[in-house]
Amino acid sequence: MYWPLLTLAFFFLLSIFASVKHNFIKADIMESTLNNSDCLIERSYNDYHQTILNYITYRINHKYDAEDLAQDVFIRLIDYKLMLREETVKYFLFTIARNIIIDYLRRYYKKQEITSYIYDHAVTYTNETEPNLHAKEILFLEKNKLQSFPSQRKTIYIMNRFYEKSTGEIAEELNLSKRTVENHLMIGRKVMRNYIKQCI
């Protein structure tokens, strides 16, 4: 009566032991593969580092960046550790190097494009802004100096300069002779010119 149960328990334990043994063997194989991959990567570095460096330097023509990129190639090779074989490692290296060069050149030309755009627009912006700044400074000086003008001269100057009224219109509006308006304008402009010349 107990024999069938014992037989069943025996086979159950046997299957567990077989599964555990299989997992140990699998882990040993994985560890062995990883160790072999590490050795292969190390050998590849010793064998191909200079070749990869020359390949990259020739294409990007910048020694220090090429050295960094060559290091990146071998760092990325570690990602393919489980796929590496003695006969394919060289192809992996050159494929990785080519992709890294493409990324580098893409970034490089994008950076050049941005720098060029900024330079072109900065020059335009500066060229447009500088005269505006000068005009604003002169206007500030002019308005400042106007405060020292006699009342009538100040009014005539403002009407002519800022409201673009002619001497006739000003004379009529202020009930003055045209000659008086012209004299005030002549003196006002002369004083303003001399003042701004001294300031600039």
N, C-alpha and C. Protein backbone atom coordinates (compact mmCIF):
# COMPACT_ATOMS: atom_id res chain seq x y z
N MET A 1 0.82 -1.20 0.00
CA MET A 1 0.00 0.00 0.00
C MET A 1 0.86 1.27 0.00
N TYR A 2 1.97 1.28 0.76
CA TYR A 2 2.85 2.45 0.81
C TYR A 2 3.81 2.52 -0.37
N TRP A 3 3.97 1.40 -1.04
CA TRP A 3 4.95 1.37 -2.14
C TRP A 3 4.64 2.38 -3.24
N PRO A 4 3.43 2.49 -3.70
CA PRO A 4 3.16 3.46 -4.76
C PRO A 4 3.48 4.89 -4.32
N LEU A 5 3.16 5.20 -3.07
CA LEU A 5 3.45 6.54 -2.56
C LEU A 5 4.96 6.78 -2.46
N LEU A 6 5.67 5.77 -1.99
CA LEU A 6 7.13 5.88 -1.87
C LEU A 6 7.77 6.02 -3.25
N THR A 7 7.25 5.28 -4.19
CA THR A 7 7.78 5.35 -5.55
C THR A 7 7.54 6.75 -6.13
N LEU A 8 6.35 7.27 -5.91
CA LEU A 8 6.01 8.61 -6.38
C LEU A 8 6.91 9.66 -5.73
N ALA A 9 7.12 9.56 -4.42
CA ALA A 9 7.99 10.50 -3.69
C ALA A 9 9.42 10.40 -4.20
N PHE A 10 9.86 9.17 -4.48
CA PHE A 10 11.22 8.96 -4.97
C PHE A 10 11.43 9.66 -6.32
N PHE A 11 10.47 9.45 -7.23
CA PHE A 11 10.59 10.08 -8.55
C PHE A 11 10.49 11.60 -8.47
N PHE A 12 9.67 12.08 -7.54
CA PHE A 12 9.54 13.52 -7.33
C PHE A 12 10.87 14.12 -6.88
N LEU A 13 11.51 13.45 -5.87
CA LEU A 13 12.81 13.92 -5.37
C LEU A 13 13.89 13.83 -6.46
N LEU A 14 13.81 12.76 -7.23
CA LEU A 14 14.76 12.56 -8.32
C LEU A 14 14.66 13.71 -9.35
N SER A 15 13.41 14.11 -9.65
CA SER A 15 13.23 15.21 -10.62
C SER A 15 13.74 16.55 -10.05
N ILE A 16 13.55 16.75 -8.74
CA ILE A 16 14.06 17.97 -8.11
C ILE A 16 15.58 18.00 -8.17
N PHE A 17 16.22 16.89 -7.83
CA PHE A 17 17.68 16.83 -7.90
C PHE A 17 18.19 17.06 -9.32
N ALA A 18 17.49 16.50 -10.30
CA ALA A 18 17.89 16.67 -11.70
C ALA A 18 17.79 18.14 -12.10
N SER A 19 16.71 18.80 -11.65
CA SER A 19 16.51 20.22 -11.96
C SER A 19 17.60 21.08 -11.32
N VAL A 20 17.92 20.77 -10.05
CA VAL A 20 18.96 21.53 -9.34
C VAL A 20 20.31 21.32 -10.02
N LYS A 21 20.58 20.07 -10.39
CA LYS A 21 21.85 19.76 -11.07
C LYS A 21 21.94 20.51 -12.40
N HIS A 22 20.81 20.53 -13.14
CA HIS A 22 20.76 21.24 -14.42
C HIS A 22 21.04 22.74 -14.23
N ASN A 23 20.45 23.31 -13.18
CA ASN A 23 20.67 24.74 -12.90
C ASN A 23 22.13 25.02 -12.53
N PHE A 24 22.75 24.13 -11.77
CA PHE A 24 24.17 24.30 -11.42
C PHE A 24 25.04 24.24 -12.66
N ILE A 25 24.74 23.27 -13.52
CA ILE A 25 25.52 23.12 -14.76
C ILE A 25 25.35 24.39 -15.62
N LYS A 26 24.08 24.87 -15.70
CA LYS A 26 23.79 26.08 -16.48
C LYS A 26 24.55 27.29 -15.91
N ALA A 27 24.58 27.42 -14.59
CA ALA A 27 25.29 28.53 -13.94
C ALA A 27 26.78 28.42 -14.20
N ASP A 28 27.32 27.19 -14.15
CA ASP A 28 28.75 26.99 -14.43
C ASP A 28 29.08 27.39 -15.87
N ILE A 29 28.18 27.00 -16.79
CA ILE A 29 28.40 27.34 -18.21
C ILE A 29 28.37 28.86 -18.39
N MET A 30 27.37 29.52 -17.74
CA MET A 30 27.25 30.99 -17.83
C MET A 30 28.51 31.65 -17.28
N GLU A 31 28.96 31.18 -16.11
CA GLU A 31 30.16 31.76 -15.49
C GLU A 31 31.37 31.55 -16.39
N SER A 32 31.46 30.36 -16.96
CA SER A 32 32.57 30.06 -17.86
C SER A 32 32.51 30.96 -19.10
N THR A 33 31.29 31.16 -19.63
CA THR A 33 31.11 32.02 -20.81
C THR A 33 31.51 33.46 -20.50
N LEU A 34 31.06 33.95 -19.33
CA LEU A 34 31.40 35.32 -18.93
C LEU A 34 32.90 35.49 -18.76
N ASN A 35 33.53 34.50 -18.11
CA ASN A 35 34.99 34.56 -17.95
C ASN A 35 35.70 34.55 -19.30
N ASN A 36 35.22 33.69 -20.21
CA ASN A 36 35.80 33.64 -21.56
C ASN A 36 35.59 34.96 -22.28
N SER A 37 34.37 35.57 -22.10
CA SER A 37 34.07 36.86 -22.74
C SER A 37 34.98 37.96 -22.21
N ASP A 38 35.21 37.96 -20.90
CA ASP A 38 36.10 38.96 -20.30
C ASP A 38 37.51 38.84 -20.88
N CYS A 39 37.96 37.60 -21.00
CA CYS A 39 39.30 37.37 -21.57
C CYS A 39 39.34 37.81 -23.04
N LEU A 40 38.23 37.53 -23.75
CA LEU A 40 38.16 37.90 -25.16
C LEU A 40 38.17 39.42 -25.33
N ILE A 41 37.45 40.12 -24.46
CA ILE A 41 37.42 41.59 -24.51
C ILE A 41 38.81 42.15 -24.21
N GLU A 42 39.46 41.58 -23.22
CA GLU A 42 40.81 42.04 -22.87
C GLU A 42 41.78 41.82 -24.03
N ARG A 43 41.71 40.63 -24.63
CA ARG A 43 42.58 40.34 -25.78
C ARG A 43 42.27 41.27 -26.95
N SER A 44 40.98 41.51 -27.16
CA SER A 44 40.55 42.38 -28.26
C SER A 44 41.10 43.78 -28.07
N TYR A 45 41.06 44.25 -26.82
CA TYR A 45 41.58 45.59 -26.53
C TYR A 45 43.07 45.66 -26.89
N ASN A 46 43.81 44.65 -26.45
CA ASN A 46 45.25 44.62 -26.73
C ASN A 46 45.53 44.50 -28.23
N ASP A 47 44.72 43.71 -28.93
CA ASP A 47 44.97 43.46 -30.35
C ASP A 47 44.48 44.58 -31.26
N TYR A 48 43.32 45.18 -30.93
CA TYR A 48 42.67 46.09 -31.88
C TYR A 48 42.59 47.55 -31.44
N HIS A 49 43.01 47.88 -30.24
CA HIS A 49 42.83 49.25 -29.76
C HIS A 49 43.47 50.27 -30.71
N GLN A 50 44.71 50.03 -31.11
CA GLN A 50 45.41 50.99 -31.98
C GLN A 50 44.74 51.08 -33.35
N THR A 51 44.28 49.95 -33.85
CA THR A 51 43.61 49.92 -35.16
C THR A 51 42.31 50.72 -35.11
N ILE A 52 41.54 50.52 -34.05
CA ILE A 52 40.27 51.24 -33.88
C ILE A 52 40.56 52.74 -33.72
N LEU A 53 41.57 53.07 -32.94
CA LEU A 53 41.94 54.47 -32.73
C LEU A 53 42.32 55.13 -34.06
N ASN A 54 43.12 54.45 -34.86
CA ASN A 54 43.52 54.99 -36.18
C ASN A 54 42.30 55.16 -37.09
N TYR A 55 41.41 54.18 -37.06
CA TYR A 55 40.18 54.20 -37.87
C TYR A 55 39.34 55.43 -37.52
N ILE A 56 39.18 55.69 -36.22
CA ILE A 56 38.36 56.82 -35.76
C ILE A 56 39.07 58.14 -36.06
N THR A 57 40.36 58.21 -35.76
CA THR A 57 41.14 59.45 -35.97
C THR A 57 41.11 59.87 -37.43
N TYR A 58 41.22 58.91 -38.32
CA TYR A 58 41.21 59.20 -39.76
C TYR A 58 39.87 59.82 -40.18
N ARG A 59 38.79 59.38 -39.55
CA ARG A 59 37.46 59.85 -39.96
C ARG A 59 37.02 61.15 -39.30
N ILE A 60 37.45 61.40 -38.07
CA ILE A 60 36.99 62.64 -37.43
C ILE A 60 38.09 63.70 -37.36
N ASN A 61 39.33 63.31 -37.57
CA ASN A 61 40.45 64.24 -37.64
C ASN A 61 40.61 65.11 -36.38
N HIS A 62 40.38 64.49 -35.24
CA HIS A 62 40.56 65.20 -33.97
C HIS A 62 41.09 64.19 -32.95
N LYS A 63 42.38 64.30 -32.65
CA LYS A 63 43.10 63.27 -31.89
C LYS A 63 42.48 62.97 -30.52
N TYR A 64 42.22 64.01 -29.73
CA TYR A 64 41.75 63.78 -28.36
C TYR A 64 40.35 63.20 -28.32
N ASP A 65 39.48 63.69 -29.20
CA ASP A 65 38.13 63.12 -29.28
C ASP A 65 38.20 61.67 -29.75
N ALA A 66 39.10 61.40 -30.68
CA ALA A 66 39.26 60.03 -31.21
C ALA A 66 39.66 59.07 -30.09
N GLU A 67 40.55 59.51 -29.21
CA GLU A 67 40.96 58.66 -28.09
C GLU A 67 39.78 58.34 -27.17
N ASP A 68 38.95 59.34 -26.89
CA ASP A 68 37.76 59.12 -26.06
C ASP A 68 36.80 58.15 -26.74
N LEU A 69 36.60 58.35 -28.03
CA LEU A 69 35.67 57.50 -28.77
C LEU A 69 36.17 56.06 -28.85
N ALA A 70 37.47 55.89 -29.00
CA ALA A 70 38.04 54.54 -29.04
C ALA A 70 37.78 53.82 -27.72
N GLN A 71 37.89 54.53 -26.60
CA GLN A 71 37.58 53.94 -25.29
C GLN A 71 36.10 53.55 -25.23
N ASP A 72 35.25 54.43 -25.77
CA ASP A 72 33.80 54.16 -25.78
C ASP A 72 33.47 52.89 -26.55
N VAL A 73 34.21 52.63 -27.62
CA VAL A 73 33.98 51.42 -28.43
C VAL A 73 34.13 50.18 -27.56
N PHE A 74 35.21 50.13 -26.78
CA PHE A 74 35.46 48.95 -25.95
C PHE A 74 34.51 48.87 -24.76
N ILE A 75 34.06 50.02 -24.29
CA ILE A 75 33.07 50.00 -23.21
C ILE A 75 31.74 49.45 -23.74
N ARG A 76 31.37 49.87 -24.96
CA ARG A 76 30.13 49.36 -25.55
C ARG A 76 30.23 47.88 -25.91
N LEU A 77 31.44 47.42 -26.18
CA LEU A 77 31.64 46.00 -26.51
C LEU A 77 31.20 45.11 -25.35
N ILE A 78 31.34 45.63 -24.13
CA ILE A 78 30.95 44.87 -22.93
C ILE A 78 29.45 44.54 -22.97
N ASP A 79 28.64 45.42 -23.58
CA ASP A 79 27.20 45.16 -23.69
C ASP A 79 26.89 43.90 -24.51
N TYR A 80 27.82 43.53 -25.38
CA TYR A 80 27.61 42.37 -26.25
C TYR A 80 28.39 41.14 -25.75
N LYS A 81 28.75 41.17 -24.49
CA LYS A 81 29.60 40.15 -23.89
C LYS A 81 29.16 38.72 -24.22
N LEU A 82 27.86 38.44 -24.08
CA LEU A 82 27.36 37.07 -24.28
C LEU A 82 27.32 36.67 -25.75
N MET A 83 27.37 37.63 -26.65
CA MET A 83 27.29 37.33 -28.09
C MET A 83 28.67 37.20 -28.73
N LEU A 84 29.72 37.56 -27.99
CA LEU A 84 31.05 37.61 -28.59
C LEU A 84 31.65 36.23 -28.85
N ARG A 85 32.27 36.14 -30.01
CA ARG A 85 33.04 34.95 -30.38
C ARG A 85 34.36 35.44 -30.95
N GLU A 86 35.35 34.63 -30.87
CA GLU A 86 36.68 34.97 -31.37
C GLU A 86 36.63 35.46 -32.81
N GLU A 87 35.83 34.78 -33.64
CA GLU A 87 35.79 35.11 -35.06
C GLU A 87 34.92 36.33 -35.40
N THR A 88 34.06 36.78 -34.45
CA THR A 88 33.17 37.92 -34.75
C THR A 88 33.54 39.20 -34.02
N VAL A 89 34.44 39.11 -33.06
CA VAL A 89 34.73 40.28 -32.22
C VAL A 89 35.23 41.48 -33.02
N LYS A 90 36.05 41.22 -34.03
CA LYS A 90 36.60 42.31 -34.85
C LYS A 90 35.47 43.05 -35.58
N TYR A 91 34.49 42.31 -36.11
CA TYR A 91 33.37 42.92 -36.83
C TYR A 91 32.51 43.75 -35.87
N PHE A 92 32.32 43.23 -34.66
CA PHE A 92 31.59 43.98 -33.64
C PHE A 92 32.28 45.31 -33.37
N LEU A 93 33.60 45.25 -33.20
CA LEU A 93 34.36 46.47 -32.90
C LEU A 93 34.20 47.53 -33.98
N PHE A 94 34.33 47.12 -35.25
CA PHE A 94 34.24 48.09 -36.33
C PHE A 94 32.81 48.61 -36.53
N THR A 95 31.82 47.75 -36.26
CA THR A 95 30.42 48.20 -36.34
C THR A 95 30.14 49.23 -35.25
N ILE A 96 30.58 48.94 -34.04
CA ILE A 96 30.40 49.88 -32.92
C ILE A 96 31.14 51.19 -33.22
N ALA A 97 32.38 51.08 -33.71
CA ALA A 97 33.18 52.28 -34.02
C ALA A 97 32.47 53.13 -35.08
N ARG A 98 31.96 52.48 -36.12
CA ARG A 98 31.26 53.22 -37.18
C ARG A 98 30.04 53.96 -36.63
N ASN A 99 29.26 53.28 -35.78
CA ASN A 99 28.07 53.92 -35.18
C ASN A 99 28.45 55.08 -34.27
N ILE A 100 29.52 54.91 -33.52
CA ILE A 100 29.99 55.99 -32.63
C ILE A 100 30.46 57.19 -33.45
N ILE A 101 31.15 56.93 -34.56
CA ILE A 101 31.61 58.03 -35.43
C ILE A 101 30.41 58.77 -36.02
N ILE A 102 29.41 58.04 -36.47
CA ILE A 102 28.20 58.67 -37.04
C ILE A 102 27.54 59.56 -36.00
N ASP A 103 27.39 59.05 -34.76
CA ASP A 103 26.79 59.85 -33.68
C ASP A 103 27.62 61.10 -33.40
N TYR A 104 28.93 60.93 -33.36
CA TYR A 104 29.83 62.05 -33.07
C TYR A 104 29.70 63.13 -34.15
N LEU A 105 29.76 62.71 -35.42
CA LEU A 105 29.69 63.66 -36.53
C LEU A 105 28.33 64.36 -36.58
N ARG A 106 27.30 63.62 -36.28
CA ARG A 106 25.96 64.22 -36.24
C ARG A 106 25.91 65.33 -35.19
N ARG A 107 26.44 65.03 -33.99
CA ARG A 107 26.47 66.03 -32.91
C ARG A 107 27.37 67.21 -33.30
N TYR A 108 28.51 66.89 -33.90
CA TYR A 108 29.49 67.91 -34.28
C TYR A 108 28.87 68.91 -35.27
N TYR A 109 28.24 68.38 -36.34
CA TYR A 109 27.67 69.26 -37.36
C TYR A 109 26.46 70.02 -36.83
N LYS A 110 25.70 69.40 -35.94
CA LYS A 110 24.57 70.08 -35.31
C LYS A 110 25.08 71.26 -34.48
N LYS A 111 26.17 71.00 -33.75
CA LYS A 111 26.77 72.05 -32.92
C LYS A 111 27.29 73.19 -33.81
N GLN A 112 27.93 72.85 -34.95
CA GLN A 112 28.42 73.86 -35.89
C GLN A 112 27.27 74.70 -36.43
N GLU A 113 26.19 74.00 -36.76
CA GLU A 113 25.01 74.67 -37.31
C GLU A 113 24.42 75.66 -36.29
N ILE A 114 24.31 75.22 -35.05
CA ILE A 114 23.77 76.07 -33.98
C ILE A 114 24.68 77.26 -33.73
N THR A 115 26.00 76.99 -33.68
CA THR A 115 26.97 78.07 -33.45
C THR A 115 26.89 79.10 -34.57
N SER A 116 26.81 78.62 -35.81
CA SER A 116 26.72 79.51 -36.97
C SER A 116 25.44 80.34 -36.90
N TYR A 117 24.34 79.70 -36.55
CA TYR A 117 23.06 80.40 -36.45
C TYR A 117 23.13 81.50 -35.38
N ILE A 118 23.67 81.14 -34.23
CA ILE A 118 23.78 82.10 -33.13
C ILE A 118 24.68 83.27 -33.54
N TYR A 119 25.80 82.95 -34.19
CA TYR A 119 26.73 84.00 -34.62
C TYR A 119 26.05 84.95 -35.61
N ASP A 120 25.40 84.36 -36.63
CA ASP A 120 24.74 85.18 -37.65
C ASP A 120 23.68 86.09 -37.04
N HIS A 121 22.88 85.53 -36.14
CA HIS A 121 21.80 86.31 -35.56
C HIS A 121 22.30 87.27 -34.48
N ALA A 122 23.36 86.90 -33.82
CA ALA A 122 23.94 87.80 -32.81
C ALA A 122 24.50 89.04 -33.48
N VAL A 123 25.14 88.86 -34.64
CA VAL A 123 25.71 90.00 -35.37
C VAL A 123 24.58 90.91 -35.83
N THR A 124 23.51 90.33 -36.38
CA THR A 124 22.35 91.11 -36.82
C THR A 124 21.75 91.86 -35.65
N TYR A 125 21.58 91.13 -34.56
CA TYR A 125 20.98 91.72 -33.37
C TYR A 125 21.82 92.89 -32.86
N THR A 126 23.14 92.67 -32.82
CA THR A 126 24.05 93.72 -32.36
C THR A 126 24.01 94.92 -33.30
N ASN A 127 24.01 94.63 -34.61
CA ASN A 127 23.98 95.71 -35.59
C ASN A 127 22.70 96.52 -35.49
N GLU A 128 21.60 95.85 -35.21
CA GLU A 128 20.32 96.55 -35.09
C GLU A 128 20.22 97.28 -33.76
N THR A 129 20.79 96.72 -32.72
CA THR A 129 20.61 97.26 -31.38
C THR A 129 21.50 98.46 -31.12
N GLU A 130 22.73 98.42 -31.61
CA GLU A 130 23.68 99.50 -31.31
C GLU A 130 23.17 100.88 -31.72
N PRO A 131 22.69 101.06 -32.97
CA PRO A 131 22.17 102.38 -33.34
C PRO A 131 20.97 102.78 -32.47
N ASN A 132 20.13 101.79 -32.14
CA ASN A 132 18.97 102.09 -31.29
C ASN A 132 19.42 102.60 -29.93
N LEU A 133 20.46 101.99 -29.39
CA LEU A 133 20.98 102.43 -28.09
C LEU A 133 21.51 103.85 -28.17
N HIS A 134 22.26 104.13 -29.25
CA HIS A 134 22.79 105.50 -29.45
C HIS A 134 21.66 106.51 -29.57
N ALA A 135 20.64 106.13 -30.35
CA ALA A 135 19.50 107.05 -30.54
C ALA A 135 18.81 107.31 -29.21
N LYS A 136 18.64 106.27 -28.41
CA LYS A 136 17.99 106.43 -27.10
C LYS A 136 18.82 107.31 -26.17
N GLU A 137 20.14 107.11 -26.22
CA GLU A 137 21.03 107.93 -25.38
C GLU A 137 20.95 109.41 -25.78
N ILE A 138 20.96 109.66 -27.10
CA ILE A 138 20.90 111.04 -27.59
C ILE A 138 19.56 111.68 -27.22
N LEU A 139 18.49 110.90 -27.37
CA LEU A 139 17.16 111.41 -27.01
C LEU A 139 17.09 111.76 -25.52
N PHE A 140 17.69 110.91 -24.69
CA PHE A 140 17.72 111.16 -23.24
C PHE A 140 18.47 112.47 -22.95
N LEU A 141 19.65 112.62 -23.59
CA LEU A 141 20.44 113.85 -23.40
C LEU A 141 19.67 115.09 -23.87
N GLU A 142 19.00 114.92 -25.02
CA GLU A 142 18.26 116.05 -25.59
C GLU A 142 17.13 116.48 -24.65
N LYS A 143 16.37 115.51 -24.14
CA LYS A 143 15.26 115.84 -23.24
C LYS A 143 15.76 116.42 -21.92
N ASN A 144 16.89 115.94 -21.50
CA ASN A 144 17.50 116.44 -20.27
C ASN A 144 17.91 117.91 -20.43
N LYS A 145 18.54 118.21 -21.57
CA LYS A 145 19.01 119.59 -21.83
C LYS A 145 17.83 120.55 -22.01
N LEU A 146 16.74 120.04 -22.58
CA LEU A 146 15.56 120.88 -22.80
C LEU A 146 15.04 121.53 -21.50
N GLN A 147 15.28 120.83 -20.37
CA GLN A 147 14.80 121.36 -19.08
C GLN A 147 15.48 122.70 -18.72
N SER A 148 16.66 122.92 -19.31
CA SER A 148 17.38 124.16 -18.99
C SER A 148 17.02 125.31 -19.95
N PHE A 149 16.23 125.01 -20.99
CA PHE A 149 15.85 126.05 -21.96
C PHE A 149 14.82 127.00 -21.33
N PRO A 150 14.84 128.28 -21.77
CA PRO A 150 13.76 129.18 -21.35
C PRO A 150 12.42 128.62 -21.84
N SER A 151 11.36 128.93 -21.17
CA SER A 151 10.06 128.34 -21.41
C SER A 151 9.60 128.42 -22.86
N GLN A 152 9.68 129.63 -23.44
CA GLN A 152 9.21 129.81 -24.82
C GLN A 152 10.07 129.03 -25.81
N ARG A 153 11.38 129.08 -25.65
CA ARG A 153 12.30 128.36 -26.54
C ARG A 153 12.06 126.85 -26.43
N LYS A 154 11.84 126.38 -25.23
CA LYS A 154 11.57 124.95 -24.98
C LYS A 154 10.31 124.52 -25.72
N THR A 155 9.25 125.32 -25.60
CA THR A 155 7.97 124.98 -26.26
C THR A 155 8.14 124.96 -27.77
N ILE A 156 8.80 125.94 -28.32
CA ILE A 156 9.01 126.02 -29.78
C ILE A 156 9.85 124.83 -30.25
N TYR A 157 10.90 124.51 -29.54
CA TYR A 157 11.80 123.39 -29.90
C TYR A 157 11.02 122.07 -29.90
N ILE A 158 10.23 121.86 -28.84
CA ILE A 158 9.45 120.60 -28.72
C ILE A 158 8.44 120.50 -29.86
N MET A 159 7.75 121.60 -30.16
CA MET A 159 6.73 121.57 -31.22
C MET A 159 7.36 121.24 -32.58
N ASN A 160 8.54 121.79 -32.82
CA ASN A 160 9.21 121.56 -34.09
C ASN A 160 9.84 120.16 -34.14
N ARG A 161 10.55 119.81 -33.09
CA ARG A 161 11.34 118.56 -33.07
C ARG A 161 10.48 117.32 -32.88
N PHE A 162 9.54 117.38 -31.95
CA PHE A 162 8.79 116.16 -31.62
C PHE A 162 7.40 116.11 -32.27
N TYR A 163 6.84 117.26 -32.60
CA TYR A 163 5.52 117.27 -33.25
C TYR A 163 5.60 117.66 -34.72
N GLU A 164 6.84 117.90 -35.19
CA GLU A 164 7.14 118.17 -36.60
C GLU A 164 6.30 119.31 -37.19
N LYS A 165 6.13 120.33 -36.39
CA LYS A 165 5.36 121.50 -36.87
C LYS A 165 6.34 122.50 -37.52
N SER A 166 5.85 123.14 -38.56
CA SER A 166 6.68 124.14 -39.26
C SER A 166 6.73 125.45 -38.45
N THR A 167 7.68 126.33 -38.82
CA THR A 167 7.79 127.62 -38.11
C THR A 167 6.51 128.43 -38.24
N GLY A 168 5.86 128.37 -39.42
CA GLY A 168 4.61 129.09 -39.64
C GLY A 168 3.51 128.58 -38.72
N GLU A 169 3.39 127.24 -38.61
CA GLU A 169 2.35 126.65 -37.75
C GLU A 169 2.59 127.02 -36.28
N ILE A 170 3.86 126.97 -35.87
CA ILE A 170 4.19 127.31 -34.48
C ILE A 170 3.88 128.78 -34.20
N ALA A 171 4.26 129.64 -35.13
CA ALA A 171 4.02 131.09 -34.98
C ALA A 171 2.54 131.37 -34.83
N GLU A 172 1.75 130.69 -35.65
CA GLU A 172 0.30 130.89 -35.62
C GLU A 172 -0.30 130.38 -34.31
N GLU A 173 0.15 129.19 -33.90
CA GLU A 173 -0.39 128.56 -32.70
C GLU A 173 -0.04 129.35 -31.43
N LEU A 174 1.22 129.87 -31.37
CA LEU A 174 1.67 130.58 -30.15
C LEU A 174 1.46 132.10 -30.25
N ASN A 175 0.93 132.52 -31.39
CA ASN A 175 0.66 133.95 -31.59
C ASN A 175 1.95 134.77 -31.53
N LEU A 176 2.97 134.26 -32.26
CA LEU A 176 4.28 134.92 -32.33
C LEU A 176 4.61 135.20 -33.78
N SER A 177 5.60 136.10 -33.99
CA SER A 177 6.04 136.32 -35.37
C SER A 177 6.89 135.13 -35.82
N LYS A 178 6.86 134.92 -37.12
CA LYS A 178 7.63 133.80 -37.68
C LYS A 178 9.12 133.99 -37.40
N ARG A 179 9.58 135.23 -37.42
CA ARG A 179 11.00 135.55 -37.18
C ARG A 179 11.40 135.16 -35.76
N THR A 180 10.55 135.41 -34.78
CA THR A 180 10.83 135.06 -33.38
C THR A 180 10.97 133.54 -33.23
N VAL A 181 10.03 132.85 -33.86
CA VAL A 181 10.07 131.36 -33.81
C VAL A 181 11.38 130.87 -34.43
N GLU A 182 11.75 131.42 -35.59
CA GLU A 182 12.98 130.99 -36.27
C GLU A 182 14.22 131.27 -35.39
N ASN A 183 14.25 132.42 -34.74
CA ASN A 183 15.37 132.76 -33.85
C ASN A 183 15.47 131.78 -32.68
N HIS A 184 14.34 131.51 -32.05
CA HIS A 184 14.33 130.55 -30.94
C HIS A 184 14.81 129.17 -31.39
N LEU A 185 14.33 128.74 -32.56
CA LEU A 185 14.72 127.42 -33.09
C LEU A 185 16.21 127.38 -33.40
N MET A 186 16.73 128.45 -34.03
CA MET A 186 18.15 128.51 -34.39
C MET A 186 19.02 128.44 -33.13
N ILE A 187 18.70 129.24 -32.13
CA ILE A 187 19.48 129.24 -30.89
C ILE A 187 19.34 127.89 -30.18
N GLY A 188 18.11 127.38 -30.09
CA GLY A 188 17.86 126.09 -29.41
C GLY A 188 18.64 124.94 -30.05
N ARG A 189 18.62 124.88 -31.39
CA ARG A 189 19.34 123.81 -32.10
C ARG A 189 20.85 123.93 -31.89
N LYS A 190 21.36 125.15 -31.95
CA LYS A 190 22.80 125.37 -31.76
C LYS A 190 23.23 124.93 -30.37
N VAL A 191 22.49 125.34 -29.34
CA VAL A 191 22.80 124.97 -27.95
C VAL A 191 22.75 123.45 -27.79
N MET A 192 21.69 122.84 -28.39
CA MET A 192 21.53 121.37 -28.27
C MET A 192 22.67 120.64 -28.95
N ARG A 193 23.04 121.10 -30.16
CA ARG A 193 24.15 120.45 -30.90
C ARG A 193 25.44 120.48 -30.10
N ASN A 194 25.77 121.64 -29.57
CA ASN A 194 27.01 121.79 -28.79
C ASN A 194 26.96 120.90 -27.54
N TYR A 195 25.81 120.86 -26.89
CA TYR A 195 25.68 120.05 -25.66
C TYR A 195 25.87 118.57 -25.97
N ILE A 196 25.22 118.09 -27.01
CA ILE A 196 25.32 116.65 -27.37
C ILE A 196 26.74 116.31 -27.82
N LYS A 197 27.37 117.22 -28.57
CA LYS A 197 28.78 116.98 -28.99
C LYS A 197 29.69 116.81 -27.78
N GLN A 198 29.47 117.63 -26.77
CA GLN A 198 30.29 117.53 -25.55
C GLN A 198 30.04 116.20 -24.83
N CYS A 199 28.81 115.76 -24.85
CA CYS A 199 28.44 114.53 -24.14
C CYS A 199 28.93 113.27 -24.85
N ILE A 200 29.01 113.33 -26.16
CA ILE A 200 29.38 112.11 -26.92
C ILE A 200 30.85 111.99 -27.13
